[in-house]
Protein backbone atom coordinates (compact mmCIF):
# COMPACT_ATOMS: atom_id res chain seq x y z
CA MET A 1 27.54 159.91 -5.32
CA PHE A 2 25.59 158.62 -2.37
CA ASN A 3 28.36 159.09 0.08
CA CYS A 4 29.09 162.66 -1.03
CA LYS A 5 25.36 163.59 -0.32
CA CYS A 6 25.65 162.24 3.06
CA LYS A 7 28.60 164.24 3.94
CA LYS A 8 27.19 167.40 2.61
CA LYS A 9 23.96 166.79 4.78
CA ASP A 10 26.16 166.13 7.86
CA ARG A 11 27.94 169.43 7.34
CA ASN A 12 24.81 171.38 6.92
CA LYS A 13 23.24 169.91 10.12
CA SER A 14 26.35 170.87 12.00
CA ALA A 15 26.52 174.32 10.69
CA LEU A 16 25.62 177.58 12.69
CA SER A 17 24.42 180.73 10.82
CA ILE A 18 25.08 184.30 12.11
CA ALA A 19 21.34 184.58 12.21
CA ASP A 20 21.10 181.88 14.85
CA LEU A 21 23.26 183.94 17.34
CA GLN A 22 20.70 186.10 19.05
CA GLU A 23 22.24 186.26 22.64
CA GLN A 24 25.57 187.38 24.02
CA ILE A 25 27.11 185.20 26.73
CA ARG A 26 30.24 185.30 28.92
CA LEU A 27 32.60 182.33 29.24
CA GLN A 28 34.13 182.39 32.56
CA SER A 29 37.09 180.64 34.19
CA TYR A 30 37.96 180.55 37.99
CA SER A 31 41.09 181.08 40.08
CA ASP A 32 41.32 179.27 43.47
CA VAL A 33 43.43 180.38 46.33
CA ASN A 34 43.66 177.38 48.83
CA ALA A 35 44.64 178.18 52.26
CA VAL A 36 46.49 175.96 54.57
CA ASN A 37 43.40 175.53 56.90
CA GLY A 38 41.34 174.19 54.19
CA SER A 39 39.46 177.43 53.22
CA ILE A 40 39.15 178.26 49.51
CA THR A 41 38.74 181.67 47.92
CA ARG A 42 37.33 181.17 44.41
CA THR A 43 37.11 184.25 41.99
CA TYR A 44 35.53 184.12 38.37
CA SER A 45 36.72 186.28 35.46
CA THR A 46 35.28 186.61 31.96
CA ASP A 47 37.65 185.39 29.27
CA TYR A 48 35.31 185.49 26.19
CA THR A 49 32.16 187.32 25.23
CA VAL A 50 30.68 185.69 22.36
CA TRP A 51 27.19 185.47 20.42
CA ALA A 52 25.35 182.23 20.92
CA LYS A 53 22.18 180.28 20.21
CA VAL A 54 20.53 179.53 23.53
CA ALA A 55 17.64 177.11 23.78
CA PRO A 56 16.06 175.29 26.68
CA ILE A 57 16.03 171.56 26.69
CA GLY A 58 15.15 168.85 29.29
CA GLN A 59 17.28 168.12 32.49
CA ALA A 60 20.74 167.45 32.09
CA ILE A 61 22.45 165.43 35.02
CA ASP A 62 24.36 167.50 37.50
CA SER A 63 27.70 166.92 39.02
CA PHE A 64 26.40 164.87 42.15
CA GLN A 65 23.44 163.41 40.05
CA GLN A 66 21.05 164.63 42.77
CA THR A 67 19.24 167.79 41.75
CA ILE A 68 15.65 167.73 40.05
CA ASP A 69 13.55 170.36 38.66
CA HIS A 70 16.32 172.43 37.34
CA GLN A 71 16.42 174.08 33.93
CA SER A 72 18.90 172.82 31.17
CA TYR A 73 20.06 174.73 28.12
CA ARG A 74 21.71 174.00 24.87
CA ILE A 75 24.12 176.67 23.90
CA GLU A 76 25.69 176.85 20.66
CA ILE A 77 28.69 179.08 19.63
CA LEU A 78 30.71 179.35 16.55
CA TRP A 79 34.02 177.47 16.41
CA GLU A 80 37.11 179.53 17.46
CA THR A 81 40.09 177.35 17.90
CA SER A 82 41.93 179.08 20.75
CA MET A 83 38.68 179.39 22.61
CA VAL A 84 37.78 175.71 22.09
CA ALA A 85 41.22 174.76 23.22
CA ALA A 86 40.50 176.69 26.48
CA LEU A 87 37.11 175.37 27.22
CA LYS A 88 38.31 172.84 29.54
CA HIS A 89 39.21 175.60 32.00
CA TYR A 90 35.55 176.88 31.95
CA ASP A 91 32.79 175.84 34.07
CA ARG A 92 30.45 178.75 34.12
CA ILE A 93 28.44 180.83 31.67
CA LEU A 94 26.68 184.23 32.32
CA LEU A 95 23.77 185.00 30.22
CA GLU A 96 22.71 188.54 29.31
CA ASP A 97 20.56 188.83 32.43
CA ASN A 98 23.45 187.75 34.76
CA THR A 99 21.91 184.19 35.13
CA ASP A 100 24.95 181.79 35.82
CA LEU A 101 24.84 178.32 34.18
CA ASP A 102 27.13 175.45 35.23
CA ILE A 103 28.56 173.87 32.12
CA VAL A 104 28.05 169.92 32.45
CA ARG A 105 28.96 168.78 28.94
CA LEU A 106 30.81 169.83 25.81
CA GLU A 107 30.04 168.71 22.33
CA LYS A 108 32.54 169.69 19.68
CA TYR A 109 31.75 169.80 15.89
CA LYS A 110 34.80 170.91 14.42
CA PRO A 111 35.25 173.20 12.38
CA HIS A 112 31.81 174.56 12.57
CA LYS A 113 30.59 174.92 16.27
CA VAL A 114 30.75 173.89 20.01
CA VAL A 115 27.60 172.82 21.80
CA LEU A 116 27.57 173.56 25.68
CA VAL A 117 25.03 171.56 27.78
CA CYS A 118 24.35 173.87 30.93
CA ASN A 119 22.30 173.75 34.05
CA ASP A 120 20.46 176.66 35.55
CA TYR A 121 19.97 175.85 39.48
CA SER A 122 18.51 179.36 40.34
CA GLY A 123 14.93 177.97 40.96
CA LEU A 124 16.28 175.57 43.49
CA ILE A 125 18.20 177.93 45.58
CA GLU A 126 17.28 178.74 49.10
CA GLU A 127 18.77 182.34 49.68
CA ASP A 128 20.45 182.51 53.14
CA GLY A 129 19.54 178.92 53.90
CA LEU A 130 22.72 177.94 55.91
CA THR A 131 24.22 179.86 58.60
CA HIS A 132 28.02 179.24 59.70
CA ASP A 133 29.86 181.36 62.20
CA GLY A 134 27.53 184.29 61.86
CA ASN A 135 27.52 184.42 57.97
CA GLN A 136 24.66 183.23 55.90
CA TYR A 137 24.91 181.28 52.49
CA ASP A 138 22.57 180.15 49.66
CA VAL A 139 22.00 176.45 49.48
CA ILE A 140 20.27 173.83 47.51
CA ARG A 141 18.88 171.33 49.91
CA ARG A 142 18.88 167.65 49.04
CA ASN A 143 18.40 164.18 50.41
CA ASP A 144 16.92 164.71 53.88
CA PHE A 145 17.43 161.32 55.43
CA ARG A 146 14.34 160.83 57.64
CA SER A 147 12.54 157.64 57.13
CA VAL A 148 10.73 157.90 60.20
CA ASP A 149 9.84 160.57 62.81
CA TYR A 150 13.34 161.16 64.37
CA THR A 151 11.73 162.66 67.51
CA ASP A 152 10.42 159.49 68.54
CA ALA A 153 12.79 158.00 70.96
CA GLY A 154 14.61 154.79 69.85
CA LEU A 155 13.42 154.99 66.16
CA GLU A 156 16.38 156.94 64.69
CA LYS A 157 19.43 158.17 66.38
CA ASP A 158 20.86 160.28 63.64
CA LEU A 159 19.46 162.88 61.06
CA HIS A 160 21.70 163.08 58.02
CA THR A 161 21.17 165.98 55.46
CA GLU A 162 23.00 167.00 52.39
CA VAL A 163 23.04 170.54 50.86
CA LEU A 164 24.81 172.20 47.94
CA VAL A 165 26.73 175.42 48.29
CA ARG A 166 28.66 177.48 45.79
CA ILE A 167 32.42 177.05 46.37
CA SER A 168 32.71 180.76 45.38
CA ASP A 169 30.29 181.66 48.07
CA PHE A 170 31.24 179.33 50.95
CA GLU A 171 34.83 180.42 51.49
CA PRO A 172 35.37 178.49 54.77
CA MET A 173 35.12 175.08 52.81
CA PHE A 174 37.22 172.40 54.35
CA SER A 175 38.23 174.53 57.53
CA ALA A 176 34.47 174.34 58.51
CA ILE A 177 34.35 170.55 58.88
CA HIS A 178 33.33 169.52 62.55
CA ASP A 179 31.76 173.06 62.97
CA ASP A 180 28.06 173.40 63.69
CA VAL A 181 25.89 174.98 61.05
CA THR A 182 21.94 176.01 60.95
CA VAL A 183 19.90 174.71 58.28
CA GLY A 184 16.09 175.11 58.21
CA GLY A 185 16.29 176.36 61.93
CA GLU A 186 18.10 173.00 62.95
CA GLU A 187 21.75 173.00 64.17
CA LEU A 188 23.64 170.28 62.58
CA ARG A 189 27.29 169.21 62.34
CA LEU A 190 29.27 169.36 59.16
CA PHE A 191 31.24 166.33 58.85
CA LYS A 192 32.08 165.77 55.19
CA ILE A 193 32.43 167.97 52.16
CA GLU A 194 32.54 166.77 48.44
CA LYS A 195 33.97 169.14 45.89
CA ALA A 196 32.58 168.76 42.34
CA SER A 197 35.25 167.93 39.68
CA ARG A 198 33.44 170.49 37.48
CA GLY A 199 31.28 173.27 38.31
CA ASN A 200 30.82 175.74 41.29
CA TRP A 201 29.21 173.54 43.75
CA ALA A 202 30.25 171.53 46.86
CA LYS A 203 28.12 168.91 48.75
CA LEU A 204 28.09 169.38 52.51
CA HIS A 205 27.28 166.30 54.56
CA LEU A 206 25.47 167.42 57.77
CA LYS A 207 24.13 165.33 60.81
CA ARG A 208 22.47 165.75 64.24
CA ASP A 209 23.54 163.28 66.89
CA PHE A 210 20.68 162.53 69.41
CA ASP A 211 21.50 161.53 73.17
């Protein structure tokens, strides 16, 4: 008798009622076209539009474990077998107001619901913060390595900066390595790119060499 009550309680805890579903979301998958020169053309398409329970939570770790002050959400949707099987191909959700969220974690509660833990980086984005080859791109600026005043001769030879860009936005991608870019009014050299295993962000490693 005791075991039966516990199982029933667990099922109720995992259940999601229709009344809980107050917002429509769009689950999006992407398609990449990789050019020989290293550029990437990424496009997103909506595969499922479903009703969901959306609630803000604390801050979930991002792909690079670097961003802070972003907003995270817990999104619950009803279990649908074919959709759940395809979730591994998704990394983005669009809310009703077109805010795009990165999916950072899945929690499956078969056969009741799926929980998607997502991050909203919109509050961190610096619009047109990076210029490359005359084109401007939105960025998230992170980890500006300046332990001392780099303009003082002999104290520091290099300035290293890391910024995050959307893969779907920054089409040049790997073809831009060794190119000069402008961030925050400074001309820097792009010397390394890290592409997140999940999500729409890439980390650009930039530096400025001083004579």
